[in-house]
Amino acid sequence: MPLNYLFSKRNQKIRDEIPDIIYHDILPNKLRNQINYIIVDTIDKLF
């Protein structure tokens, strides 16, 4: 039995439960700005 075959996973499979998954379609502006700064800083350091 593999290590990632946990009790909770087996239990979900037995009860046919769908795991809670959160999907995000839109990134918040603050996060976009941070990602942009990281990319720009990285490119500046390379060139």
PDB file of N, CA and C in Angstrom:
ATOM      1  N   MET A   1       0.852  -1.170   0.000  1.00  0.00           N
ATOM      2  CA  MET A   1       0.000   0.000   0.000  1.00  0.00           C
ATOM      3  C   MET A   1       0.900   1.235   0.000  1.00  0.00           C
ATOM      4  N   PRO A   2       0.757   2.128  -0.987  1.00  0.00           N
ATOM      5  CA  PRO A   2       1.596   3.323  -1.045  1.00  0.00           C
ATOM      6  C   PRO A   2       1.292   4.291   0.098  1.00  0.00           C
ATOM      7  N   LEU A   3       2.247   5.109   0.370  1.00  0.00           N
ATOM      8  CA  LEU A   3       2.135   6.049   1.479  1.00  0.00           C
ATOM      9  C   LEU A   3       1.037   7.082   1.253  1.00  0.00           C
ATOM     10  N   ASN A   4       0.817   7.493   0.021  1.00  0.00           N
ATOM     11  CA  ASN A   4      -0.184   8.522  -0.236  1.00  0.00           C
ATOM     12  C   ASN A   4      -1.616   7.982  -0.278  1.00  0.00           C
ATOM     13  N   TYR A   5      -1.807   6.747   0.001  1.00  0.00           N
ATOM     14  CA  TYR A   5      -3.139   6.150   0.042  1.00  0.00           C
ATOM     15  C   TYR A   5      -3.662   6.245   1.474  1.00  0.00           C
ATOM     16  N   LEU A   6      -4.017   7.443   1.876  1.00  0.00           N
ATOM     17  CA  LEU A   6      -4.416   7.727   3.251  1.00  0.00           C
ATOM     18  C   LEU A   6      -5.843   7.277   3.536  1.00  0.00           C
ATOM     19  N   PHE A   7      -6.128   7.194   4.811  1.00  0.00           N
ATOM     20  CA  PHE A   7      -7.470   6.801   5.232  1.00  0.00           C
ATOM     21  C   PHE A   7      -8.521   7.744   4.671  1.00  0.00           C
ATOM     22  N   SER A   8      -8.239   9.047   4.733  1.00  0.00           N
ATOM     23  CA  SER A   8      -9.221  10.015   4.245  1.00  0.00           C
ATOM     24  C   SER A   8      -9.489   9.837   2.757  1.00  0.00           C
ATOM     25  N   LYS A   9      -8.455   9.519   1.983  1.00  0.00           N
ATOM     26  CA  LYS A   9      -8.637   9.291   0.548  1.00  0.00           C
ATOM     27  C   LYS A   9      -9.447   8.022   0.299  1.00  0.00           C
ATOM     28  N   ARG A  10      -9.135   6.982   1.039  1.00  0.00           N
ATOM     29  CA  ARG A  10      -9.905   5.737   0.888  1.00  0.00           C
ATOM     30  C   ARG A  10     -11.353   5.970   1.270  1.00  0.00           C
ATOM     31  N   ASN A  11     -11.540   6.733   2.329  1.00  0.00           N
ATOM     32  CA  ASN A  11     -12.883   7.003   2.814  1.00  0.00           C
ATOM     33  C   ASN A  11     -13.679   7.819   1.798  1.00  0.00           C
ATOM     34  N   GLN A  12     -13.059   8.801   1.169  1.00  0.00           N
ATOM     35  CA  GLN A  12     -13.725   9.580   0.131  1.00  0.00           C
ATOM     36  C   GLN A  12     -14.123   8.690  -1.025  1.00  0.00           C
ATOM     37  N   LYS A  13     -13.242   7.789  -1.388  1.00  0.00           N
ATOM     38  CA  LYS A  13     -13.534   6.898  -2.513  1.00  0.00           C
ATOM     39  C   LYS A  13     -14.717   5.988  -2.189  1.00  0.00           C
ATOM     40  N   ILE A  14     -14.768   5.513  -0.971  1.00  0.00           N
ATOM     41  CA  ILE A  14     -15.857   4.622  -0.569  1.00  0.00           C
ATOM     42  C   ILE A  14     -17.191   5.368  -0.568  1.00  0.00           C
ATOM     43  N   ARG A  15     -17.179   6.607  -0.062  1.00  0.00           N
ATOM     44  CA  ARG A  15     -18.417   7.376   0.052  1.00  0.00           C
ATOM     45  C   ARG A  15     -18.726   8.196  -1.200  1.00  0.00           C
ATOM     46  N   ASP A  16     -17.879   8.113  -2.229  1.00  0.00           N
ATOM     47  CA  ASP A  16     -18.068   8.859  -3.476  1.00  0.00           C
ATOM     48  C   ASP A  16     -18.189  10.362  -3.242  1.00  0.00           C
ATOM     49  N   GLU A  17     -17.319  10.886  -2.388  1.00  0.00           N
ATOM     50  CA  GLU A  17     -17.325  12.322  -2.120  1.00  0.00           C
ATOM     51  C   GLU A  17     -16.397  13.033  -3.093  1.00  0.00           C
ATOM     52  N   ILE A  18     -16.779  14.208  -3.423  1.00  0.00           N
ATOM     53  CA  ILE A  18     -15.933  15.051  -4.263  1.00  0.00           C
ATOM     54  C   ILE A  18     -15.133  15.957  -3.331  1.00  0.00           C
ATOM     55  N   PRO A  19     -13.812  15.984  -3.485  1.00  0.00           N
ATOM     56  CA  PRO A  19     -13.023  16.836  -2.599  1.00  0.00           C
ATOM     57  C   PRO A  19     -13.286  18.325  -2.856  1.00  0.00           C
ATOM     58  N   ASP A  20     -13.134  19.121  -1.815  1.00  0.00           N
ATOM     59  CA  ASP A  20     -13.318  20.563  -1.939  1.00  0.00           C
ATOM     60  C   ASP A  20     -12.121  21.154  -2.666  1.00  0.00           C
ATOM     61  N   ILE A  21     -12.386  21.756  -3.802  1.00  0.00           N
ATOM     62  CA  ILE A  21     -11.343  22.377  -4.602  1.00  0.00           C
ATOM     63  C   ILE A  21     -11.776  23.810  -4.889  1.00  0.00           C
ATOM     64  N   ILE A  22     -10.853  24.731  -4.703  1.00  0.00           N
ATOM     65  CA  ILE A  22     -11.157  26.129  -4.960  1.00  0.00           C
ATOM     66  C   ILE A  22     -10.484  26.532  -6.261  1.00  0.00           C
ATOM     67  N   TYR A  23     -11.267  27.095  -7.152  1.00  0.00           N
ATOM     68  CA  TYR A  23     -10.736  27.573  -8.427  1.00  0.00           C
ATOM     69  C   TYR A  23     -10.788  29.096  -8.448  1.00  0.00           C
ATOM     70  N   HIS A  24      -9.707  29.696  -8.919  1.00  0.00           N
ATOM     71  CA  HIS A  24      -9.673  31.142  -9.059  1.00  0.00           C
ATOM     72  C   HIS A  24      -9.434  31.484 -10.520  1.00  0.00           C
ATOM     73  N   ASP A  25     -10.326  32.247 -11.082  1.00  0.00           N
ATOM     74  CA  ASP A  25     -10.187  32.652 -12.474  1.00  0.00           C
ATOM     75  C   ASP A  25      -9.471  33.994 -12.594  1.00  0.00           C
ATOM     76  N   ILE A  26      -9.644  34.840 -11.594  1.00  0.00           N
ATOM     77  CA  ILE A  26      -9.106  36.187 -11.667  1.00  0.00           C
ATOM     78  C   ILE A  26      -8.113  36.399 -10.528  1.00  0.00           C
ATOM     79  N   LEU A  27      -6.929  36.903 -10.868  1.00  0.00           N
ATOM     80  CA  LEU A  27      -5.933  37.218  -9.861  1.00  0.00           C
ATOM     81  C   LEU A  27      -6.200  38.613  -9.302  1.00  0.00           C
ATOM     82  N   PRO A  28      -6.054  38.785  -8.003  1.00  0.00           N
ATOM     83  CA  PRO A  28      -6.217  40.125  -7.439  1.00  0.00           C
ATOM     84  C   PRO A  28      -5.121  41.064  -7.960  1.00  0.00           C
ATOM     85  N   ASN A  29      -5.437  42.340  -8.034  1.00  0.00           N
ATOM     86  CA  ASN A  29      -4.496  43.320  -8.567  1.00  0.00           C
ATOM     87  C   ASN A  29      -3.208  43.392  -7.749  1.00  0.00           C
ATOM     88  N   LYS A  30      -3.310  43.272  -6.442  1.00  0.00           N
ATOM     89  CA  LYS A  30      -2.107  43.312  -5.603  1.00  0.00           C
ATOM     90  C   LYS A  30      -1.158  42.176  -5.965  1.00  0.00           C
ATOM     91  N   LEU A  31      -1.704  41.011  -6.171  1.00  0.00           N
ATOM     92  CA  LEU A  31      -0.875  39.862  -6.531  1.00  0.00           C
ATOM     93  C   LEU A  31      -0.278  40.044  -7.928  1.00  0.00           C
ATOM     94  N   ARG A  32      -1.056  40.566  -8.848  1.00  0.00           N
ATOM     95  CA  ARG A  32      -0.539  40.839 -10.193  1.00  0.00           C
ATOM     96  C   ARG A  32       0.646  41.797 -10.133  1.00  0.00           C
ATOM     97  N   ASN A  33       0.500  42.837  -9.337  1.00  0.00           N
ATOM     98  CA  ASN A  33       1.580  43.809  -9.214  1.00  0.00           C
ATOM     99  C   ASN A  33       2.835  43.174  -8.627  1.00  0.00           C
ATOM    100  N   GLN A  34       2.664  42.354  -7.616  1.00  0.00           N
ATOM    101  CA  GLN A  34       3.816  41.687  -6.999  1.00  0.00           C
ATOM    102  C   GLN A  34       4.511  40.771  -7.993  1.00  0.00           C
ATOM    103  N   ILE A  35       3.741  40.021  -8.746  1.00  0.00           N
ATOM    104  CA  ILE A  35       4.324  39.117  -9.741  1.00  0.00           C
ATOM    105  C   ILE A  35       5.051  39.928 -10.809  1.00  0.00           C
ATOM    106  N   ASN A  36       4.454  41.036 -11.214  1.00  0.00           N
ATOM    107  CA  ASN A  36       5.074  41.899 -12.205  1.00  0.00           C
ATOM    108  C   ASN A  36       6.416  42.434 -11.686  1.00  0.00           C
ATOM    109  N   TYR A  37       6.460  42.906 -10.452  1.00  0.00           N
ATOM    110  CA  TYR A  37       7.701  43.420  -9.869  1.00  0.00           C
ATOM    111  C   TYR A  37       8.775  42.338  -9.789  1.00  0.00           C
ATOM    112  N   ILE A  38       8.368  41.148  -9.433  1.00  0.00           N
ATOM    113  CA  ILE A  38       9.327  40.045  -9.347  1.00  0.00           C
ATOM    114  C   ILE A  38       9.921  39.751 -10.717  1.00  0.00           C
ATOM    115  N   ILE A  39       9.093  39.702 -11.733  1.00  0.00           N
ATOM    116  CA  ILE A  39       9.577  39.411 -13.091  1.00  0.00           C
ATOM    117  C   ILE A  39      10.491  40.532 -13.581  1.00  0.00           C
ATOM    118  N   VAL A  40      10.073  41.774 -13.394  1.00  0.00           N
ATOM    119  CA  VAL A  40      10.882  42.910 -13.848  1.00  0.00           C
ATOM    120  C   VAL A  40      12.222  42.938 -13.118  1.00  0.00           C
ATOM    121  N   ASP A  41      12.231  42.728 -11.818  1.00  0.00           N
ATOM    122  CA  ASP A  41      13.481  42.711 -11.051  1.00  0.00           C
ATOM    123  C   ASP A  41      14.402  41.588 -11.512  1.00  0.00           C
ATOM    124  N   THR A  42      13.821  40.437 -11.800  1.00  0.00           N
ATOM    125  CA  THR A  42      14.617  39.305 -12.249  1.00  0.00           C
ATOM    126  C   THR A  42      15.233  39.579 -13.627  1.00  0.00           C
ATOM    127  N   ILE A  43      14.450  40.154 -14.517  1.00  0.00           N
ATOM    128  CA  ILE A  43      14.961  40.470 -15.860  1.00  0.00           C
ATOM    129  C   ILE A  43      16.057  41.541 -15.762  1.00  0.00           C
ATOM    130  N   ASP A  44      15.855  42.526 -14.904  1.00  0.00           N
ATOM    131  CA  ASP A  44      16.859  43.570 -14.724  1.00  0.00           C
ATOM    132  C   ASP A  44      18.182  43.008 -14.216  1.00  0.00           C
ATOM    133  N   LYS A  45      18.117  42.055 -13.345  1.00  0.00           N
ATOM    134  CA  LYS A  45      19.344  41.454 -12.812  1.00  0.00           C
ATOM    135  C   LYS A  45      20.065  40.618 -13.866  1.00  0.00           C
ATOM    136  N   LEU A  46      19.316  40.048 -14.792  1.00  0.00           N
ATOM    137  CA  LEU A  46      19.922  39.226 -15.814  1.00  0.00           C
ATOM    138  C   LEU A  46      20.591  40.065 -16.914  1.00  0.00           C
ATOM    139  N   PHE A  47      20.033  41.245 -17.187  1.00  0.00           N
ATOM    140  CA  PHE A  47      20.561  42.068 -18.293  1.00  0.00           C
ATOM    141  C   PHE A  47      21.107  43.344 -17.789  1.00  0.00           C
TER     142      PHE A  47
END
